[in-house]
Amino acid sequence: MGSDPSLRQLLTLVIGSVGLGYMLYGRKQAHAVALGCGVLLVVIPFGVNLPALTAVAMLLMVVLPFLLNRFLC
């Protein structure tokens, strides 16, 4: 069973936009974790073909900087 191409394009657009925001924030604030997550958010949609797996990876990359900041700082 294949996935809907329009859903994949929408996820790629949303994830890429969030990733761009994280990259800009990480660069401006010199926050390496946010910058790395931003880069991964831009790259992940091109390597993963399943929308569900893409959504899970996106959620992990969005939450990771908050968790690391809260528990390590």
Protein backbone atom coordinates (compact mmCIF):
# COMPACT_ATOMS: atom_id res chain seq x y z
CA MET A 1 0.00 0.00 0.00
CA GLY A 2 1.56 3.30 -1.09
CA SER A 3 1.49 6.61 0.69
CA ASP A 4 -0.26 9.69 -0.61
CA PRO A 5 2.24 11.97 -2.43
CA SER A 6 0.41 15.13 -1.37
CA LEU A 7 0.66 14.12 2.30
CA ARG A 8 4.38 13.53 1.88
CA GLN A 9 4.83 16.94 0.23
CA LEU A 10 2.88 18.65 3.01
CA LEU A 11 4.94 16.90 5.71
CA THR A 12 8.16 17.82 3.91
CA LEU A 13 7.10 21.47 3.71
CA VAL A 14 6.08 21.67 7.37
CA ILE A 15 9.12 19.79 8.66
CA GLY A 16 11.48 21.81 6.47
CA SER A 17 9.97 25.07 7.72
CA VAL A 18 10.35 24.03 11.35
CA GLY A 19 13.91 22.89 10.60
CA LEU A 20 14.75 26.24 9.04
CA GLY A 21 13.46 27.99 12.16
CA TYR A 22 15.57 25.75 14.38
CA MET A 23 18.65 26.35 12.23
CA LEU A 24 18.23 30.12 12.38
CA TYR A 25 17.66 30.03 16.13
CA GLY A 26 20.61 27.69 16.70
CA ARG A 27 22.95 29.82 14.64
CA LYS A 28 21.87 33.12 16.18
CA GLN A 29 21.95 31.86 19.80
CA ALA A 30 25.02 29.60 19.28
CA HIS A 31 22.92 26.62 20.41
CA ALA A 32 24.51 23.56 18.78
CA VAL A 33 21.71 21.12 19.62
CA ALA A 34 19.04 23.33 18.03
CA LEU A 35 21.24 23.86 14.98
CA GLY A 36 21.85 20.12 14.60
CA CYS A 37 18.17 19.30 15.02
CA GLY A 38 17.32 21.95 12.46
CA VAL A 39 19.69 20.43 9.92
CA LEU A 40 18.26 16.97 10.60
CA LEU A 41 14.71 18.27 10.24
CA VAL A 42 15.57 19.61 6.81
CA VAL A 43 17.36 16.41 5.72
CA ILE A 44 15.14 13.67 7.26
CA PRO A 45 12.13 14.06 4.91
CA PHE A 46 14.32 13.34 1.91
CA GLY A 47 15.65 10.07 3.34
CA VAL A 48 12.48 8.63 4.85
CA ASN A 49 9.62 7.61 2.57
CA LEU A 50 6.96 6.68 5.12
CA PRO A 51 4.86 9.60 6.40
CA ALA A 52 4.33 7.99 9.81
CA LEU A 53 8.05 7.43 10.33
CA THR A 54 8.75 10.96 9.11
CA ALA A 55 6.25 12.38 11.62
CA VAL A 56 7.80 10.39 14.48
CA ALA A 57 11.31 11.53 13.53
CA MET A 58 10.06 15.13 13.33
CA LEU A 59 8.53 14.96 16.79
CA LEU A 60 11.73 13.56 18.25
CA MET A 61 13.86 16.28 16.66
CA VAL A 62 11.48 19.03 17.80
CA VAL A 63 11.35 17.82 21.42
CA LEU A 64 15.03 16.87 21.77
CA PRO A 65 16.43 20.42 22.31
CA PHE A 66 13.85 21.12 25.02
CA LEU A 67 14.58 17.86 26.83
CA LEU A 68 18.35 18.30 26.65
CA ASN A 69 18.09 21.89 27.81
CA ARG A 70 15.81 20.99 30.70
CA PHE A 71 17.65 17.93 32.02
CA LEU A 72 21.28 18.77 31.24
CA CYS A 73 21.40 22.48 32.10
